[in-house]
Amino acid sequence: MSEEKSFKDRLVDELNYQGISKKEFAARIGISLSTLNMYLYRGSIPAADLAVKMAQELNTTTEYLVTGILKQTEQEAQNIKADWQKNRIKIILDELSPNQIEYFLEIAQAYKNAVSN
């Protein structure tokens, strides 16, 4: 009989699968690395608001991280992915200089024009 995975196991699996370092993940969700390690090594489960942030950043559901149950409709899965993608764009934009943002917007507009034709 195999043991069911815990929150920390599922969190580690997702980080490894997505190639996200612990340090990067902690920064993305706004906690310290030591706080993240508490969830990864002590087996603590975060407060609901933090678990939601974690799930969103990992493009999954809170229910999956906490219980291991993955129930979602195709539309919910698409919405989670779109939210995750928008969040990643925001992170990238935060790292760009004003000049780089101008170029980014030009590229985005050219892409939008090309795909809408």
PDB file of N, CA and C in Angstrom:
ATOM      1  N   MET A   1       0.838  -1.173   0.000  1.00  0.00           N
ATOM      2  CA  MET A   1       0.000   0.000   0.000  1.00  0.00           C
ATOM      3  C   MET A   1       0.885   1.240   0.000  1.00  0.00           C
ATOM      4  N   SER A   2       0.650   2.172  -0.933  1.00  0.00           N
ATOM      5  CA  SER A   2       1.475   3.372  -1.014  1.00  0.00           C
ATOM      6  C   SER A   2       0.847   4.501  -0.207  1.00  0.00           C
ATOM      7  N   GLU A   3       1.712   5.325   0.321  1.00  0.00           N
ATOM      8  CA  GLU A   3       1.240   6.456   1.106  1.00  0.00           C
ATOM      9  C   GLU A   3       0.773   7.567   0.178  1.00  0.00           C
ATOM     10  N   GLU A   4      -0.266   8.263   0.625  1.00  0.00           N
ATOM     11  CA  GLU A   4      -0.754   9.403  -0.140  1.00  0.00           C
ATOM     12  C   GLU A   4       0.226  10.560   0.035  1.00  0.00           C
ATOM     13  N   LYS A   5       0.410  11.335  -1.013  1.00  0.00           N
ATOM     14  CA  LYS A   5       1.319  12.472  -0.947  1.00  0.00           C
ATOM     15  C   LYS A   5       0.733  13.571  -0.062  1.00  0.00           C
ATOM     16  N   SER A   6       1.605  14.320   0.542  1.00  0.00           N
ATOM     17  CA  SER A   6       1.201  15.433   1.402  1.00  0.00           C
ATOM     18  C   SER A   6       1.291  16.751   0.642  1.00  0.00           C
ATOM     19  N   PHE A   7       0.835  17.816   1.283  1.00  0.00           N
ATOM     20  CA  PHE A   7       0.931  19.159   0.706  1.00  0.00           C
ATOM     21  C   PHE A   7       2.361  19.440   0.283  1.00  0.00           C
ATOM     22  N   LYS A   8       3.301  19.184   1.181  1.00  0.00           N
ATOM     23  CA  LYS A   8       4.704  19.496   0.858  1.00  0.00           C
ATOM     24  C   LYS A   8       5.194  18.673  -0.321  1.00  0.00           C
ATOM     25  N   ASP A   9       4.770  17.405  -0.415  1.00  0.00           N
ATOM     26  CA  ASP A   9       5.179  16.561  -1.548  1.00  0.00           C
ATOM     27  C   ASP A   9       4.654  17.118  -2.865  1.00  0.00           C
ATOM     28  N   ARG A  10       3.377  17.524  -2.859  1.00  0.00           N
ATOM     29  CA  ARG A  10       2.787  18.071  -4.084  1.00  0.00           C
ATOM     30  C   ARG A  10       3.432  19.403  -4.448  1.00  0.00           C
ATOM     31  N   LEU A  11       3.749  20.221  -3.450  1.00  0.00           N
ATOM     32  CA  LEU A  11       4.408  21.504  -3.698  1.00  0.00           C
ATOM     33  C   LEU A  11       5.795  21.286  -4.300  1.00  0.00           C
ATOM     34  N   VAL A  12       6.563  20.387  -3.728  1.00  0.00           N
ATOM     35  CA  VAL A  12       7.898  20.070  -4.254  1.00  0.00           C
ATOM     36  C   VAL A  12       7.782  19.513  -5.677  1.00  0.00           C
ATOM     37  N   ASP A  13       6.825  18.613  -5.889  1.00  0.00           N
ATOM     38  CA  ASP A  13       6.629  18.046  -7.229  1.00  0.00           C
ATOM     39  C   ASP A  13       6.362  19.144  -8.256  1.00  0.00           C
ATOM     40  N   GLU A  14       5.479  20.084  -7.918  1.00  0.00           N
ATOM     41  CA  GLU A  14       5.135  21.164  -8.843  1.00  0.00           C
ATOM     42  C   GLU A  14       6.334  22.070  -9.111  1.00  0.00           C
ATOM     43  N   LEU A  15       7.076  22.415  -8.079  1.00  0.00           N
ATOM     44  CA  LEU A  15       8.263  23.266  -8.260  1.00  0.00           C
ATOM     45  C   LEU A  15       9.279  22.571  -9.163  1.00  0.00           C
ATOM     46  N   ASN A  16       9.504  21.292  -8.918  1.00  0.00           N
ATOM     47  CA  ASN A  16      10.457  20.534  -9.738  1.00  0.00           C
ATOM     48  C   ASN A  16       9.963  20.407 -11.175  1.00  0.00           C
ATOM     49  N   TYR A  17       8.689  20.083 -11.347  1.00  0.00           N
ATOM     50  CA  TYR A  17       8.116  19.907 -12.678  1.00  0.00           C
ATOM     51  C   TYR A  17       8.234  21.183 -13.504  1.00  0.00           C
ATOM     52  N   GLN A  18       7.999  22.333 -12.841  1.00  0.00           N
ATOM     53  CA  GLN A  18       8.014  23.607 -13.551  1.00  0.00           C
ATOM     54  C   GLN A  18       9.396  24.254 -13.575  1.00  0.00           C
ATOM     55  N   GLY A  19      10.359  23.638 -12.910  1.00  0.00           N
ATOM     56  CA  GLY A  19      11.721  24.161 -12.919  1.00  0.00           C
ATOM     57  C   GLY A  19      11.867  25.485 -12.190  1.00  0.00           C
ATOM     58  N   ILE A  20      11.097  25.668 -11.139  1.00  0.00           N
ATOM     59  CA  ILE A  20      11.130  26.914 -10.366  1.00  0.00           C
ATOM     60  C   ILE A  20      11.939  26.660  -9.099  1.00  0.00           C
ATOM     61  N   SER A  21      12.917  27.502  -8.855  1.00  0.00           N
ATOM     62  CA  SER A  21      13.714  27.346  -7.638  1.00  0.00           C
ATOM     63  C   SER A  21      12.895  27.790  -6.434  1.00  0.00           C
ATOM     64  N   LYS A  22      13.270  27.287  -5.282  1.00  0.00           N
ATOM     65  CA  LYS A  22      12.567  27.669  -4.044  1.00  0.00           C
ATOM     66  C   LYS A  22      12.698  29.175  -3.810  1.00  0.00           C
ATOM     67  N   LYS A  23      13.884  29.702  -4.040  1.00  0.00           N
ATOM     68  CA  LYS A  23      14.121  31.129  -3.827  1.00  0.00           C
ATOM     69  C   LYS A  23      13.231  31.977  -4.740  1.00  0.00           C
ATOM     70  N   GLU A  24      13.160  31.594  -6.016  1.00  0.00           N
ATOM     71  CA  GLU A  24      12.341  32.324  -6.984  1.00  0.00           C
ATOM     72  C   GLU A  24      10.860  32.227  -6.616  1.00  0.00           C
ATOM     73  N   PHE A  25      10.412  31.036  -6.227  1.00  0.00           N
ATOM     74  CA  PHE A  25       9.011  30.844  -5.877  1.00  0.00           C
ATOM     75  C   PHE A  25       8.635  31.681  -4.654  1.00  0.00           C
ATOM     76  N   ALA A  26       9.492  31.678  -3.656  1.00  0.00           N
ATOM     77  CA  ALA A  26       9.228  32.470  -2.447  1.00  0.00           C
ATOM     78  C   ALA A  26       9.085  33.949  -2.804  1.00  0.00           C
ATOM     79  N   ALA A  27       9.969  34.438  -3.669  1.00  0.00           N
ATOM     80  CA  ALA A  27       9.900  35.842  -4.089  1.00  0.00           C
ATOM     81  C   ALA A  27       8.609  36.124  -4.852  1.00  0.00           C
ATOM     82  N   ARG A  28       8.218  35.214  -5.720  1.00  0.00           N
ATOM     83  CA  ARG A  28       6.999  35.404  -6.516  1.00  0.00           C
ATOM     84  C   ARG A  28       5.740  35.508  -5.653  1.00  0.00           C
ATOM     85  N   ILE A  29       5.695  34.728  -4.575  1.00  0.00           N
ATOM     86  CA  ILE A  29       4.485  34.734  -3.757  1.00  0.00           C
ATOM     87  C   ILE A  29       4.598  35.654  -2.542  1.00  0.00           C
ATOM     88  N   GLY A  30       5.749  36.313  -2.417  1.00  0.00           N
ATOM     89  CA  GLY A  30       5.898  37.337  -1.388  1.00  0.00           C
ATOM     90  C   GLY A  30       6.170  36.836   0.014  1.00  0.00           C
ATOM     91  N   ILE A  31       6.924  35.730   0.117  1.00  0.00           N
ATOM     92  CA  ILE A  31       7.311  35.235   1.437  1.00  0.00           C
ATOM     93  C   ILE A  31       8.823  35.012   1.449  1.00  0.00           C
ATOM     94  N   SER A  32       9.373  34.861   2.635  1.00  0.00           N
ATOM     95  CA  SER A  32      10.809  34.595   2.740  1.00  0.00           C
ATOM     96  C   SER A  32      11.093  33.133   2.414  1.00  0.00           C
ATOM     97  N   LEU A  33      12.323  32.874   2.060  1.00  0.00           N
ATOM     98  CA  LEU A  33      12.735  31.497   1.769  1.00  0.00           C
ATOM     99  C   LEU A  33      12.574  30.631   3.014  1.00  0.00           C
ATOM    100  N   SER A  34      12.871  31.181   4.189  1.00  0.00           N
ATOM    101  CA  SER A  34      12.732  30.393   5.420  1.00  0.00           C
ATOM    102  C   SER A  34      11.265  30.030   5.680  1.00  0.00           C
ATOM    103  N   THR A  35      10.349  30.920   5.328  1.00  0.00           N
ATOM    104  CA  THR A  35       8.929  30.603   5.488  1.00  0.00           C
ATOM    105  C   THR A  35       8.536  29.489   4.524  1.00  0.00           C
ATOM    106  N   LEU A  36       9.009  29.575   3.282  1.00  0.00           N
ATOM    107  CA  LEU A  36       8.720  28.518   2.311  1.00  0.00           C
ATOM    108  C   LEU A  36       9.296  27.192   2.801  1.00  0.00           C
ATOM    109  N   ASN A  37      10.494  27.214   3.328  1.00  0.00           N
ATOM    110  CA  ASN A  37      11.116  25.990   3.828  1.00  0.00           C
ATOM    111  C   ASN A  37      10.297  25.358   4.952  1.00  0.00           C
ATOM    112  N   MET A  38       9.613  26.189   5.718  1.00  0.00           N
ATOM    113  CA  MET A  38       8.750  25.676   6.781  1.00  0.00           C
ATOM    114  C   MET A  38       7.659  24.777   6.182  1.00  0.00           C
ATOM    115  N   TYR A  39       7.125  25.191   5.031  1.00  0.00           N
ATOM    116  CA  TYR A  39       6.100  24.388   4.373  1.00  0.00           C
ATOM    117  C   TYR A  39       6.703  23.164   3.681  1.00  0.00           C
ATOM    118  N   LEU A  40       7.922  23.305   3.191  1.00  0.00           N
ATOM    119  CA  LEU A  40       8.558  22.214   2.457  1.00  0.00           C
ATOM    120  C   LEU A  40       9.174  21.147   3.361  1.00  0.00           C
ATOM    121  N   TYR A  41       9.659  21.541   4.522  1.00  0.00           N
ATOM    122  CA  TYR A  41      10.394  20.586   5.343  1.00  0.00           C
ATOM    123  C   TYR A  41       9.718  20.237   6.652  1.00  0.00           C
ATOM    124  N   ARG A  42       8.893  21.107   7.181  1.00  0.00           N
ATOM    125  CA  ARG A  42       8.211  20.809   8.439  1.00  0.00           C
ATOM    126  C   ARG A  42       6.813  20.253   8.218  1.00  0.00           C
ATOM    127  N   GLY A  43       6.352  20.330   6.980  1.00  0.00           N
ATOM    128  CA  GLY A  43       5.038  19.780   6.687  1.00  0.00           C
ATOM    129  C   GLY A  43       3.881  20.667   7.085  1.00  0.00           C
ATOM    130  N   SER A  44       4.165  21.932   7.376  1.00  0.00           N
ATOM    131  CA  SER A  44       3.090  22.862   7.717  1.00  0.00           C
ATOM    132  C   SER A  44       2.274  23.183   6.474  1.00  0.00           C
ATOM    133  N   ILE A  45       1.009  23.496   6.672  1.00  0.00           N
ATOM    134  CA  ILE A  45       0.149  23.921   5.568  1.00  0.00           C
ATOM    135  C   ILE A  45      -0.110  25.416   5.753  1.00  0.00           C
ATOM    136  N   PRO A  46       0.060  26.201   4.700  1.00  0.00           N
ATOM    137  CA  PRO A  46      -0.094  27.656   4.835  1.00  0.00           C
ATOM    138  C   PRO A  46      -1.559  28.068   5.039  1.00  0.00           C
ATOM    139  N   ALA A  47      -1.739  29.307   5.446  1.00  0.00           N
ATOM    140  CA  ALA A  47      -3.074  29.891   5.542  1.00  0.00           C
ATOM    141  C   ALA A  47      -3.703  29.882   4.151  1.00  0.00           C
ATOM    142  N   ALA A  48      -5.013  29.930   4.120  1.00  0.00           N
ATOM    143  CA  ALA A  48      -5.749  29.812   2.857  1.00  0.00           C
ATOM    144  C   ALA A  48      -5.297  30.832   1.826  1.00  0.00           C
ATOM    145  N   ASP A  49      -5.097  32.090   2.221  1.00  0.00           N
ATOM    146  CA  ASP A  49      -4.727  33.117   1.246  1.00  0.00           C
ATOM    147  C   ASP A  49      -3.370  32.827   0.608  1.00  0.00           C
ATOM    148  N   LEU A  50      -2.447  32.303   1.387  1.00  0.00           N
ATOM    149  CA  LEU A  50      -1.134  31.971   0.842  1.00  0.00           C
ATOM    150  C   LEU A  50      -1.204  30.705  -0.023  1.00  0.00           C
ATOM    151  N   ALA A  51      -2.001  29.747   0.387  1.00  0.00           N
ATOM    152  CA  ALA A  51      -2.171  28.537  -0.422  1.00  0.00           C
ATOM    153  C   ALA A  51      -2.767  28.889  -1.785  1.00  0.00           C
ATOM    154  N   VAL A  52      -3.686  29.851  -1.802  1.00  0.00           N
ATOM    155  CA  VAL A  52      -4.276  30.304  -3.067  1.00  0.00           C
ATOM    156  C   VAL A  52      -3.202  30.944  -3.943  1.00  0.00           C
ATOM    157  N   LYS A  53      -2.367  31.810  -3.356  1.00  0.00           N
ATOM    158  CA  LYS A  53      -1.274  32.435  -4.119  1.00  0.00           C
ATOM    159  C   LYS A  53      -0.333  31.383  -4.696  1.00  0.00           C
ATOM    160  N   MET A  54      -0.003  30.396  -3.874  1.00  0.00           N
ATOM    161  CA  MET A  54       0.891  29.331  -4.322  1.00  0.00           C
ATOM    162  C   MET A  54       0.288  28.597  -5.516  1.00  0.00           C
ATOM    163  N   ALA A  55      -0.977  28.233  -5.395  1.00  0.00           N
ATOM    164  CA  ALA A  55      -1.648  27.497  -6.466  1.00  0.00           C
ATOM    165  C   ALA A  55      -1.706  28.329  -7.741  1.00  0.00           C
ATOM    166  N   GLN A  56      -2.027  29.607  -7.609  1.00  0.00           N
ATOM    167  CA  GLN A  56      -2.101  30.470  -8.791  1.00  0.00           C
ATOM    168  C   GLN A  56      -0.748  30.574  -9.470  1.00  0.00           C
ATOM    169  N   GLU A  57       0.286  30.737  -8.687  1.00  0.00           N
ATOM    170  CA  GLU A  57       1.631  30.870  -9.254  1.00  0.00           C
ATOM    171  C   GLU A  57       2.065  29.581  -9.948  1.00  0.00           C
ATOM    172  N   LEU A  58       1.574  28.453  -9.452  1.00  0.00           N
ATOM    173  CA  LEU A  58       1.934  27.160 -10.027  1.00  0.00           C
ATOM    174  C   LEU A  58       0.938  26.693 -11.087  1.00  0.00           C
ATOM    175  N   ASN A  59      -0.048  27.546 -11.375  1.00  0.00           N
ATOM    176  CA  ASN A  59      -1.038  27.229 -12.398  1.00  0.00           C
ATOM    177  C   ASN A  59      -1.789  25.933 -12.075  1.00  0.00           C
ATOM    178  N   THR A  60      -2.191  25.807 -10.811  1.00  0.00           N
ATOM    179  CA  THR A  60      -2.976  24.659 -10.372  1.00  0.00           C
ATOM    180  C   THR A  60      -4.055  25.159  -9.424  1.00  0.00           C
ATOM    181  N   THR A  61      -4.715  24.255  -8.732  1.00  0.00           N
ATOM    182  CA  THR A  61      -5.755  24.661  -7.793  1.00  0.00           C
ATOM    183  C   THR A  61      -5.283  24.478  -6.363  1.00  0.00           C
ATOM    184  N   THR A  62      -5.860  25.266  -5.486  1.00  0.00           N
ATOM    185  CA  THR A  62      -5.568  25.131  -4.056  1.00  0.00           C
ATOM    186  C   THR A  62      -6.010  23.755  -3.580  1.00  0.00           C
ATOM    187  N   GLU A  63      -7.161  23.317  -4.065  1.00  0.00           N
ATOM    188  CA  GLU A  63      -7.668  21.997  -3.668  1.00  0.00           C
ATOM    189  C   GLU A  63      -6.653  20.905  -3.990  1.00  0.00           C
ATOM    190  N   TYR A  64      -6.024  20.996  -5.151  1.00  0.00           N
ATOM    191  CA  TYR A  64      -5.025  19.989  -5.507  1.00  0.00           C
ATOM    192  C   TYR A  64      -3.834  20.034  -4.552  1.00  0.00           C
ATOM    193  N   LEU A  65      -3.302  21.223  -4.290  1.00  0.00           N
ATOM    194  CA  LEU A  65      -2.133  21.310  -3.408  1.00  0.00           C
ATOM    195  C   LEU A  65      -2.438  20.774  -2.011  1.00  0.00           C
ATOM    196  N   VAL A  66      -3.623  21.093  -1.498  1.00  0.00           N
ATOM    197  CA  VAL A  66      -3.962  20.710  -0.125  1.00  0.00           C
ATOM    198  C   VAL A  66      -4.420  19.259  -0.030  1.00  0.00           C
ATOM    199  N   THR A  67      -5.256  18.815  -0.977  1.00  0.00           N
ATOM    200  CA  THR A  67      -5.855  17.480  -0.857  1.00  0.00           C
ATOM    201  C   THR A  67      -5.333  16.469  -1.864  1.00  0.00           C
ATOM    202  N   GLY A  68      -4.760  16.940  -2.952  1.00  0.00           N
ATOM    203  CA  GLY A  68      -4.317  16.040  -4.002  1.00  0.00           C
ATOM    204  C   GLY A  68      -5.400  15.743  -5.020  1.00  0.00           C
ATOM    205  N   ILE A  69      -6.584  16.326  -4.816  1.00  0.00           N
ATOM    206  CA  ILE A  69      -7.699  16.109  -5.736  1.00  0.00           C
ATOM    207  C   ILE A  69      -7.694  17.211  -6.781  1.00  0.00           C
ATOM    208  N   LEU A  70      -7.702  16.805  -8.030  1.00  0.00           N
ATOM    209  CA  LEU A  70      -7.688  17.769  -9.126  1.00  0.00           C
ATOM    210  C   LEU A  70      -9.020  17.682  -9.858  1.00  0.00           C
ATOM    211  N   LYS A  71      -9.908  18.607  -9.511  1.00  0.00           N
ATOM    212  CA  LYS A  71     -11.213  18.667 -10.167  1.00  0.00           C
ATOM    213  C   LYS A  71     -11.368  20.053 -10.754  1.00  0.00           C
ATOM    214  N   GLN A  72     -11.445  20.111 -12.047  1.00  0.00           N
ATOM    215  CA  GLN A  72     -11.680  21.394 -12.691  1.00  0.00           C
ATOM    216  C   GLN A  72     -12.212  21.160 -14.092  1.00  0.00           C
ATOM    217  N   THR A  73     -13.032  22.072 -14.504  1.00  0.00           N
ATOM    218  CA  THR A  73     -13.553  21.995 -15.863  1.00  0.00           C
ATOM    219  C   THR A  73     -12.475  22.532 -16.808  1.00  0.00           C
ATOM    220  N   GLU A  74     -12.669  22.302 -18.076  1.00  0.00           N
ATOM    221  CA  GLU A  74     -11.723  22.818 -19.075  1.00  0.00           C
ATOM    222  C   GLU A  74     -11.658  24.341 -18.997  1.00  0.00           C
ATOM    223  N   GLN A  75     -12.817  24.977 -18.803  1.00  0.00           N
ATOM    224  CA  GLN A  75     -12.849  26.439 -18.712  1.00  0.00           C
ATOM    225  C   GLN A  75     -12.071  26.933 -17.491  1.00  0.00           C
ATOM    226  N   GLU A  76     -12.227  26.260 -16.362  1.00  0.00           N
ATOM    227  CA  GLU A  76     -11.483  26.637 -15.156  1.00  0.00           C
ATOM    228  C   GLU A  76      -9.981  26.479 -15.380  1.00  0.00           C
ATOM    229  N   ALA A  77      -9.605  25.414 -16.045  1.00  0.00           N
ATOM    230  CA  ALA A  77      -8.185  25.189 -16.331  1.00  0.00           C
ATOM    231  C   ALA A  77      -7.642  26.293 -17.226  1.00  0.00           C
ATOM    232  N   GLN A  78      -8.426  26.699 -18.230  1.00  0.00           N
ATOM    233  CA  GLN A  78      -7.995  27.774 -19.125  1.00  0.00           C
ATOM    234  C   GLN A  78      -7.891  29.098 -18.370  1.00  0.00           C
ATOM    235  N   ASN A  79      -8.842  29.356 -17.466  1.00  0.00           N
ATOM    236  CA  ASN A  79      -8.808  30.592 -16.686  1.00  0.00           C
ATOM    237  C   ASN A  79      -7.592  30.638 -15.775  1.00  0.00           C
ATOM    238  N   ILE A  80      -7.279  29.516 -15.148  1.00  0.00           N
ATOM    239  CA  ILE A  80      -6.103  29.455 -14.272  1.00  0.00           C
ATOM    240  C   ILE A  80      -4.843  29.707 -15.085  1.00  0.00           C
ATOM    241  N   LYS A  81      -4.752  29.092 -16.248  1.00  0.00           N
ATOM    242  CA  LYS A  81      -3.576  29.287 -17.099  1.00  0.00           C
ATOM    243  C   LYS A  81      -3.466  30.739 -17.554  1.00  0.00           C
ATOM    244  N   ALA A  82      -4.599  31.348 -17.960  1.00  0.00           N
ATOM    245  CA  ALA A  82      -4.583  32.745 -18.409  1.00  0.00           C
ATOM    246  C   ALA A  82      -4.157  33.664 -17.270  1.00  0.00           C
ATOM    247  N   ASP A  83      -4.653  33.415 -16.069  1.00  0.00           N
ATOM    248  CA  ASP A  83      -4.263  34.236 -14.918  1.00  0.00           C
ATOM    249  C   ASP A  83      -2.769  34.099 -14.643  1.00  0.00           C
ATOM    250  N   TRP A  84      -2.276  32.868 -14.744  1.00  0.00           N
ATOM    251  CA  TRP A  84      -0.857  32.620 -14.512  1.00  0.00           C
ATOM    252  C   TRP A  84      -0.017  33.344 -15.555  1.00  0.00           C
ATOM    253  N   GLN A  85      -0.456  33.283 -16.824  1.00  0.00           N
ATOM    254  CA  GLN A  85       0.287  33.942 -17.899  1.00  0.00           C
ATOM    255  C   GLN A  85       0.302  35.458 -17.703  1.00  0.00           C
ATOM    256  N   LYS A  86      -0.829  36.028 -17.332  1.00  0.00           N
ATOM    257  CA  LYS A  86      -0.893  37.473 -17.089  1.00  0.00           C
ATOM    258  C   LYS A  86       0.027  37.868 -15.942  1.00  0.00           C
ATOM    259  N   ASN A  87       0.060  37.046 -14.917  1.00  0.00           N
ATOM    260  CA  ASN A  87       0.942  37.320 -13.786  1.00  0.00           C
ATOM    261  C   ASN A  87       2.408  37.278 -14.210  1.00  0.00           C
ATOM    262  N   ARG A  88       2.766  36.317 -15.046  1.00  0.00           N
ATOM    263  CA  ARG A  88       4.148  36.223 -15.527  1.00  0.00           C
ATOM    264  C   ARG A  88       4.516  37.451 -16.352  1.00  0.00           C
ATOM    265  N   ILE A  89       3.586  37.952 -17.186  1.00  0.00           N
ATOM    266  CA  ILE A  89       3.846  39.164 -17.969  1.00  0.00           C
ATOM    267  C   ILE A  89       4.085  40.343 -17.040  1.00  0.00           C
ATOM    268  N   LYS A  90       3.295  40.450 -15.980  1.00  0.00           N
ATOM    269  CA  LYS A  90       3.476  41.539 -15.012  1.00  0.00           C
ATOM    270  C   LYS A  90       4.855  41.463 -14.364  1.00  0.00           C
ATOM    271  N   ILE A  91       5.277  40.262 -14.026  1.00  0.00           N
ATOM    272  CA  ILE A  91       6.599  40.091 -13.410  1.00  0.00           C
ATOM    273  C   ILE A  91       7.695  40.527 -14.374  1.00  0.00           C
ATOM    274  N   ILE A  92       7.567  40.130 -15.626  1.00  0.00           N
ATOM    275  CA  ILE A  92       8.558  40.522 -16.639  1.00  0.00           C
ATOM    276  C   ILE A  92       8.572  42.043 -16.796  1.00  0.00           C
ATOM    277  N   LEU A  93       7.393  42.652 -16.887  1.00  0.00           N
ATOM    278  CA  LEU A  93       7.312  44.108 -17.059  1.00  0.00           C
ATOM    279  C   LEU A  93       7.953  44.848 -15.889  1.00  0.00           C
ATOM    280  N   ASP A  94       7.782  44.325 -14.688  1.00  0.00           N
ATOM    281  CA  ASP A  94       8.366  44.967 -13.501  1.00  0.00           C
ATOM    282  C   ASP A  94       9.889  45.007 -13.562  1.00  0.00           C
ATOM    283  N   GLU A  95      10.470  44.110 -14.353  1.00  0.00           N
ATOM    284  CA  GLU A  95      11.932  44.021 -14.443  1.00  0.00           C
ATOM    285  C   GLU A  95      12.507  44.842 -15.597  1.00  0.00           C
ATOM    286  N   LEU A  96      11.637  45.421 -16.423  1.00  0.00           N
ATOM    287  CA  LEU A  96      12.106  46.166 -17.586  1.00  0.00           C
ATOM    288  C   LEU A  96      12.268  47.655 -17.281  1.00  0.00           C
ATOM    289  N   SER A  97      13.190  48.285 -18.012  1.00  0.00           N
ATOM    290  CA  SER A  97      13.366  49.732 -17.924  1.00  0.00           C
ATOM    291  C   SER A  97      12.241  50.400 -18.725  1.00  0.00           C
ATOM    292  N   PRO A  98      12.003  51.695 -18.518  1.00  0.00           N
ATOM    293  CA  PRO A  98      10.965  52.382 -19.307  1.00  0.00           C
ATOM    294  C   PRO A  98      11.184  52.247 -20.818  1.00  0.00           C
ATOM    295  N   ASN A  99      12.418  52.317 -21.259  1.00  0.00           N
ATOM    296  CA  ASN A  99      12.727  52.164 -22.680  1.00  0.00           C
ATOM    297  C   ASN A  99      12.384  50.753 -23.169  1.00  0.00           C
ATOM    298  N   GLN A 100      12.727  49.755 -22.372  1.00  0.00           N
ATOM    299  CA  GLN A 100      12.424  48.371 -22.736  1.00  0.00           C
ATOM    300  C   GLN A 100      10.913  48.142 -22.769  1.00  0.00           C
ATOM    301  N   ILE A 101      10.187  48.797 -21.901  1.00  0.00           N
ATOM    302  CA  ILE A 101       8.724  48.666 -21.886  1.00  0.00           C
ATOM    303  C   ILE A 101       8.133  49.193 -23.185  1.00  0.00           C
ATOM    304  N   GLU A 102       8.675  50.314 -23.694  1.00  0.00           N
ATOM    305  CA  GLU A 102       8.194  50.851 -24.972  1.00  0.00           C
ATOM    306  C   GLU A 102       8.368  49.820 -26.089  1.00  0.00           C
ATOM    307  N   TYR A 103       9.539  49.204 -26.155  1.00  0.00           N
ATOM    308  CA  TYR A 103       9.788  48.184 -27.170  1.00  0.00           C
ATOM    309  C   TYR A 103       8.855  46.983 -26.982  1.00  0.00           C
ATOM    310  N   PHE A 104       8.683  46.584 -25.743  1.00  0.00           N
ATOM    311  CA  PHE A 104       7.795  45.468 -25.436  1.00  0.00           C
ATOM    312  C   PHE A 104       6.382  45.753 -25.939  1.00  0.00           C
ATOM    313  N   LEU A 105       5.893  46.954 -25.682  1.00  0.00           N
ATOM    314  CA  LEU A 105       4.548  47.329 -26.132  1.00  0.00           C
ATOM    315  C   LEU A 105       4.441  47.345 -27.654  1.00  0.00           C
ATOM    316  N   GLU A 106       5.490  47.817 -28.323  1.00  0.00           N
ATOM    317  CA  GLU A 106       5.492  47.800 -29.789  1.00  0.00           C
ATOM    318  C   GLU A 106       5.418  46.375 -30.324  1.00  0.00           C
ATOM    319  N   ILE A 107       6.178  45.489 -29.718  1.00  0.00           N
ATOM    320  CA  ILE A 107       6.168  44.082 -30.131  1.00  0.00           C
ATOM    321  C   ILE A 107       4.790  43.474 -29.859  1.00  0.00           C
ATOM    322  N   ALA A 108       4.241  43.751 -28.690  1.00  0.00           N
ATOM    323  CA  ALA A 108       2.919  43.209 -28.342  1.00  0.00           C
ATOM    324  C   ALA A 108       1.853  43.713 -29.313  1.00  0.00           C
ATOM    325  N   GLN A 109       1.888  44.988 -29.651  1.00  0.00           N
ATOM    326  CA  GLN A 109       0.902  45.542 -30.566  1.00  0.00           C
ATOM    327  C   GLN A 109       1.053  44.937 -31.963  1.00  0.00           C
ATOM    328  N   ALA A 110       2.301  44.786 -32.418  1.00  0.00           N
ATOM    329  CA  ALA A 110       2.539  44.171 -33.734  1.00  0.00           C
ATOM    330  C   ALA A 110       2.032  42.737 -33.745  1.00  0.00           C
ATOM    331  N   TYR A 111       2.246  42.012 -32.668  1.00  0.00           N
ATOM    332  CA  TYR A 111       1.749  40.647 -32.579  1.00  0.00           C
ATOM    333  C   TYR A 111       0.215  40.616 -32.611  1.00  0.00           C
ATOM    334  N   LYS A 112      -0.398  41.483 -31.838  1.00  0.00           N
ATOM    335  CA  LYS A 112      -1.859  41.551 -31.802  1.00  0.00           C
ATOM    336  C   LYS A 112      -2.413  41.850 -33.203  1.00  0.00           C
ATOM    337  N   ASN A 113      -1.804  42.794 -33.885  1.00  0.00           N
ATOM    338  CA  ASN A 113      -2.253  43.134 -35.241  1.00  0.00           C
ATOM    339  C   ASN A 113      -2.085  41.958 -36.199  1.00  0.00           C
ATOM    340  N   ALA A 114      -0.980  41.243 -36.053  1.00  0.00           N
ATOM    341  CA  ALA A 114      -0.712  40.120 -36.964  1.00  0.00           C
ATOM    342  C   ALA A 114      -1.689  38.976 -36.755  1.00  0.00           C
ATOM    343  N   VAL A 115      -2.045  38.671 -35.515  1.00  0.00           N
ATOM    344  CA  VAL A 115      -2.929  37.539 -35.265  1.00  0.00           C
ATOM    345  C   VAL A 115      -4.399  37.878 -35.436  1.00  0.00           C
ATOM    346  N   SER A 116      -4.740  39.175 -35.434  1.00  0.00           N
ATOM    347  CA  SER A 116      -6.152  39.534 -35.581  1.00  0.00           C
ATOM    348  C   SER A 116      -6.535  39.701 -37.054  1.00  0.00           C
ATOM    349  N   ASN A 117      -5.572  39.597 -37.952  1.00  0.00           N
ATOM    350  CA  ASN A 117      -5.875  39.704 -39.397  1.00  0.00           C
ATOM    351  C   ASN A 117      -6.203  38.376 -39.992  1.00  0.00           C
TER     352      ASN A 117
END
